[in-house]
Structure formats: C-alpha cells, structure tokens
Amino acid sequence: MAAMTGASTYPGSPGQVPQANMRVTNQDREHVVEHVKAAYAEGRFDKFEFDDRLERAMTARTHGDLMPIMTELYGSRPSAHLRDSLRPTTAPPRVSAPTESNERLGASAAHLLALVGLPVIGPLILLLTGGKTSPFIRRHALESLNFHLTVTGATLLLPFTIIGVILIPFMWIAAVVLSIAGGVSALADRDFQYPLTVRLVK
C-alpha cells in the first residue's frame, strides 16, 4: 500500500507504521494487491487464497484491514519490511504480475459496451463487479464511466446553443472512436485516458 511503498507520507518519524484505524486510499489498496499478485505468481498460495486476499485488499477501509494481508505475505514480524518501505524519499520498485486475460477482457468490455447502447451502465457494472478484485478493471471502468457521464451531460446541455447542436454528432463519433481505442488499449494490457473528461467518480 502507499504507506508500505513510500508513495505517501504520514505524520511522525519516517519509520512510523500508520495507525490501524487510519483510512486507506485506492492507491493503498492497489499497492497491496500488487504484492498479492507477485506472491501468487511465485506460487506461494493457490487460486482460492489469491482470490480471498484480493477481495480483502480491494474492500479494505483502514490500514488495520490491510496489515494482516502483508503479515500473511511477509511473516508474523514484517516490521523491518514496513519501516524500509515507509521512507518517503526512496520508493522500492513496484512488482506486479502480468494482467490476466480475463481482467483484460473485463477492462475492454468497460469501454466497448458503450457501442451496444450501454455507455454508463456497462462500465458501472464492471466497476461494481470485476473492479472489486481487479485494480486494472477498476481503472478502465472508472475512466470509461467518467467519460461517458461527461458525454451524456454534454449531450443534454449542448442543444441549448446553436453551436452545440452542430457539435453533438461529432462528439458522438469521437466517443465511438475513443471507446474502441480504450478497449484495444485494455486488451493490450495498457492504461487509457479519455481527453476532455470530467472525472466525477473516483
């Protein structure tokens, strides 16, 4: 998590472990998921244990929820590992396993479902299902959801101006092209960002 990888700074000394009741961010959860994926790739536990740890990491609310997962990965006394990782000036390299094919398909669907008439509902469903256990799906679903919410809002507001009426068809064409580009990027195991997007959902 961010606290464990030096991605964020906490009050107190550089080696201080965050309090158990401190709230975590999405980035904190994703860092722990990366540790879990790396351990799974090394064969340290089976698929059932992998899925269990992923779910616990993605639904964690406090550091007290995430620390037991790190303890399971690094032993009953991971304090030295945690202290070294908490130094804000030196972040260790991020280790992550390759994205699985089902994750790439789910992330791609978050973009491409817009082409079959589900521009908002499609990515929302992926966010609430696959996004709970896969940071990759979550990133793509959030990006797609925010973009299509922006397009929907613009479609409702632009008709109030003459120029807006002219722009709407071009905006829809651009939305189709960008959705395809997002889907292809997800299949290629790459992140994707839509331009001119109001990111209301975090």
Protein backbone atom coordinates (compact mmCIF):
# COMPACT_ATOMS: atom_id res chain seq x y z
CA MET A 1 0.00 0.00 0.00
CA ALA A 2 1.07 3.59 -0.34
CA ALA A 3 2.12 3.56 3.29
CA MET A 4 4.19 0.46 2.61
CA THR A 5 5.79 1.55 -0.63
CA GLY A 6 6.69 5.15 0.17
CA ALA A 7 4.01 6.54 -2.16
CA SER A 8 2.64 8.83 0.53
CA THR A 9 3.95 10.45 3.72
CA TYR A 10 2.45 10.01 7.18
CA PRO A 11 2.92 12.15 10.26
CA GLY A 12 5.69 11.23 12.64
CA SER A 13 9.07 9.66 12.01
CA PRO A 14 9.94 8.18 8.58
CA GLY A 15 9.80 4.66 10.01
CA GLN A 16 6.44 5.00 11.71
CA VAL A 17 3.83 2.42 10.72
CA PRO A 18 0.38 4.02 10.11
CA GLN A 19 -2.22 3.61 12.81
CA ALA A 20 -4.57 0.70 12.26
CA ASN A 21 -7.65 2.93 12.19
CA MET A 22 -6.24 5.29 9.55
CA ARG A 23 -8.35 5.29 6.38
CA VAL A 24 -6.78 3.91 3.21
CA THR A 25 -6.91 5.24 -0.34
CA ASN A 26 -7.47 3.38 -3.60
CA GLN A 27 -3.73 3.61 -4.21
CA ASP A 28 -3.05 1.95 -0.85
CA ARG A 29 -5.32 -0.95 -1.82
CA GLU A 30 -3.74 -1.30 -5.26
CA HIS A 31 -0.21 -1.48 -3.82
CA VAL A 32 -1.22 -4.34 -1.55
CA VAL A 33 -2.91 -6.07 -4.49
CA GLU A 34 0.39 -5.85 -6.38
CA HIS A 35 2.15 -7.63 -3.51
CA VAL A 36 -0.57 -10.30 -3.53
CA LYS A 37 -0.25 -10.79 -7.30
CA ALA A 38 3.52 -11.08 -7.07
CA ALA A 39 3.23 -13.70 -4.32
CA TYR A 40 0.66 -15.65 -6.36
CA ALA A 41 2.92 -15.55 -9.41
CA GLU A 42 5.68 -17.06 -7.25
CA GLY A 43 3.33 -19.93 -6.32
CA ARG A 44 3.16 -19.06 -2.63
CA PHE A 45 -0.58 -19.81 -2.41
CA ASP A 46 -3.38 -21.26 -4.52
CA LYS A 47 -6.15 -19.57 -6.53
CA PHE A 48 -8.66 -19.70 -3.67
CA GLU A 49 -6.21 -18.00 -1.28
CA PHE A 50 -5.31 -15.50 -4.02
CA ASP A 51 -8.97 -14.55 -4.60
CA ASP A 52 -9.57 -14.27 -0.85
CA ARG A 53 -6.67 -11.86 -0.35
CA LEU A 54 -7.63 -9.82 -3.41
CA GLU A 55 -11.16 -9.34 -2.13
CA ARG A 56 -9.95 -8.39 1.34
CA ALA A 57 -7.46 -5.89 -0.10
CA MET A 58 -9.93 -4.25 -2.50
CA THR A 59 -12.63 -3.88 0.17
CA ALA A 60 -10.31 -2.68 2.95
CA ARG A 61 -11.28 0.55 4.69
CA THR A 62 -8.41 1.04 7.15
CA HIS A 63 -4.75 0.09 7.45
CA GLY A 64 -5.85 -2.36 10.11
CA ASP A 65 -7.63 -4.26 7.30
CA LEU A 66 -4.58 -4.27 5.03
CA MET A 67 -1.81 -5.00 7.53
CA PRO A 68 -2.90 -8.63 8.19
CA ILE A 69 -2.56 -9.34 4.46
CA MET A 70 1.01 -8.04 4.47
CA THR A 71 1.70 -10.08 7.60
CA GLU A 72 0.47 -13.20 5.79
CA LEU A 73 2.81 -12.42 2.90
CA TYR A 74 5.92 -11.46 4.86
CA GLY A 75 5.59 -13.34 8.14
CA SER A 76 4.45 -12.56 11.65
CA ARG A 77 7.05 -9.81 12.10
CA PRO A 78 7.07 -7.67 8.93
CA SER A 79 8.09 -4.52 10.84
CA ALA A 80 11.52 -4.21 9.20
CA HIS A 81 9.93 -4.58 5.76
CA LEU A 82 7.34 -1.95 6.63
CA ARG A 83 9.87 0.54 8.06
CA ASP A 84 12.09 0.30 4.99
CA SER A 85 9.09 0.77 2.69
CA LEU A 86 7.77 3.77 4.60
CA ARG A 87 10.71 6.04 3.84
CA PRO A 88 9.21 8.80 1.64
CA THR A 89 12.46 9.56 -0.20
CA THR A 90 13.10 6.08 -1.60
CA ALA A 91 10.25 4.06 -3.05
CA PRO A 92 11.15 0.45 -3.95
CA PRO A 93 10.35 -0.72 -7.47
CA ARG A 94 6.78 -1.87 -7.98
CA VAL A 95 6.49 -5.58 -8.67
CA SER A 96 3.35 -6.78 -10.37
CA ALA A 97 2.31 -9.94 -12.14
CA PRO A 98 1.12 -9.71 -15.76
CA THR A 99 -2.53 -8.83 -16.07
CA GLU A 100 -4.62 -11.96 -16.57
CA SER A 101 -6.62 -12.39 -19.78
CA ASN A 102 -9.99 -12.24 -18.02
CA GLU A 103 -9.00 -8.93 -16.46
CA ARG A 104 -8.05 -7.53 -19.86
CA LEU A 105 -11.36 -8.70 -21.32
CA GLY A 106 -13.33 -7.16 -18.45
CA ALA A 107 -11.46 -3.87 -18.76
CA SER A 108 -12.00 -3.85 -22.53
CA ALA A 109 -15.73 -4.52 -22.05
CA ALA A 110 -15.94 -1.44 -19.82
CA HIS A 111 -15.12 0.62 -22.92
CA LEU A 112 -16.79 -1.39 -25.68
CA LEU A 113 -20.19 -1.84 -24.01
CA ALA A 114 -20.85 1.78 -24.99
CA LEU A 115 -21.05 0.60 -28.60
CA VAL A 116 -24.06 -1.60 -27.81
CA GLY A 117 -26.03 1.10 -26.04
CA LEU A 118 -24.64 0.77 -22.50
CA PRO A 119 -22.32 3.79 -22.23
CA VAL A 120 -22.91 4.36 -18.49
CA ILE A 121 -24.49 1.14 -17.22
CA GLY A 122 -21.80 -1.04 -18.85
CA PRO A 123 -18.72 0.43 -17.11
CA LEU A 124 -20.72 0.84 -13.89
CA ILE A 125 -21.49 -2.90 -13.83
CA LEU A 126 -17.80 -3.72 -14.46
CA LEU A 127 -16.77 -1.30 -11.71
CA LEU A 128 -19.12 -2.91 -9.18
CA THR A 129 -18.20 -6.50 -10.12
CA GLY A 130 -14.72 -7.08 -11.55
CA GLY A 131 -13.48 -3.76 -10.19
CA LYS A 132 -13.78 -5.08 -6.63
CA THR A 133 -10.96 -7.57 -7.13
CA SER A 134 -9.01 -6.18 -10.08
CA PRO A 135 -7.34 -2.74 -9.97
CA PHE A 136 -6.84 -2.99 -13.75
CA ILE A 137 -10.57 -3.39 -14.42
CA ARG A 138 -11.35 -0.70 -11.86
CA ARG A 139 -9.07 1.86 -13.55
CA HIS A 140 -10.54 1.23 -17.00
CA ALA A 141 -14.14 1.10 -15.74
CA LEU A 142 -13.73 4.38 -13.84
CA GLU A 143 -12.16 6.08 -16.85
CA SER A 144 -14.92 4.86 -19.18
CA LEU A 145 -17.69 5.72 -16.72
CA ASN A 146 -16.44 9.28 -16.19
CA PHE A 147 -16.01 9.83 -19.93
CA HIS A 148 -19.50 8.65 -20.83
CA LEU A 149 -21.02 10.63 -17.96
CA THR A 150 -19.27 13.66 -19.44
CA VAL A 151 -20.62 12.87 -22.93
CA THR A 152 -24.13 12.33 -21.54
CA GLY A 153 -24.01 15.64 -19.68
CA ALA A 154 -22.73 17.46 -22.75
CA THR A 155 -25.47 15.88 -24.90
CA LEU A 156 -28.10 17.28 -22.54
CA LEU A 157 -26.56 20.75 -22.32
CA LEU A 158 -25.24 21.46 -25.83
CA PRO A 159 -28.67 21.63 -27.59
CA PHE A 160 -29.29 24.93 -25.77
CA THR A 161 -26.81 26.58 -28.17
CA ILE A 162 -26.69 26.58 -31.96
CA ILE A 163 -23.01 25.62 -32.00
CA GLY A 164 -23.78 22.85 -29.52
CA VAL A 165 -26.33 21.29 -31.86
CA ILE A 166 -23.69 21.21 -34.58
CA LEU A 167 -21.08 19.71 -32.27
CA ILE A 168 -23.17 16.85 -30.90
CA PRO A 169 -22.80 14.48 -33.93
CA PHE A 170 -19.04 15.00 -33.98
CA MET A 171 -18.86 14.39 -30.24
CA TRP A 172 -20.72 11.09 -30.61
CA ILE A 173 -18.42 9.96 -33.42
CA ALA A 174 -15.39 10.85 -31.29
CA ALA A 175 -16.91 8.92 -28.36
CA VAL A 176 -17.23 5.79 -30.51
CA VAL A 177 -13.65 6.07 -31.78
CA LEU A 178 -12.26 6.68 -28.28
CA SER A 179 -14.27 3.79 -26.82
CA ILE A 180 -12.72 1.46 -29.39
CA ALA A 181 -9.26 2.85 -28.62
CA GLY A 182 -9.87 2.29 -24.90
CA GLY A 183 -10.98 -1.29 -25.50
CA VAL A 184 -7.92 -2.03 -27.63
CA SER A 185 -5.61 -0.49 -25.00
CA ALA A 186 -7.15 -2.67 -22.29
CA LEU A 187 -6.68 -5.81 -24.38
CA ALA A 188 -3.05 -4.81 -24.90
CA ASP A 189 -2.59 -4.52 -21.09
CA ARG A 190 -2.20 -0.73 -21.20
CA ASP A 191 -3.93 2.05 -19.30
CA PHE A 192 -6.04 4.58 -21.22
CA GLN A 193 -7.22 8.12 -20.54
CA TYR A 194 -10.02 9.91 -22.36
CA PRO A 195 -9.49 13.58 -23.24
CA LEU A 196 -11.75 16.40 -22.03
CA THR A 197 -13.27 14.24 -19.29
CA VAL A 198 -14.82 15.48 -16.06
CA ARG A 199 -13.85 12.80 -13.52
CA LEU A 200 -16.75 12.93 -11.12
CA VAL A 201 -16.41 9.34 -9.88
CA LYS A 202 -13.21 8.48 -8.00
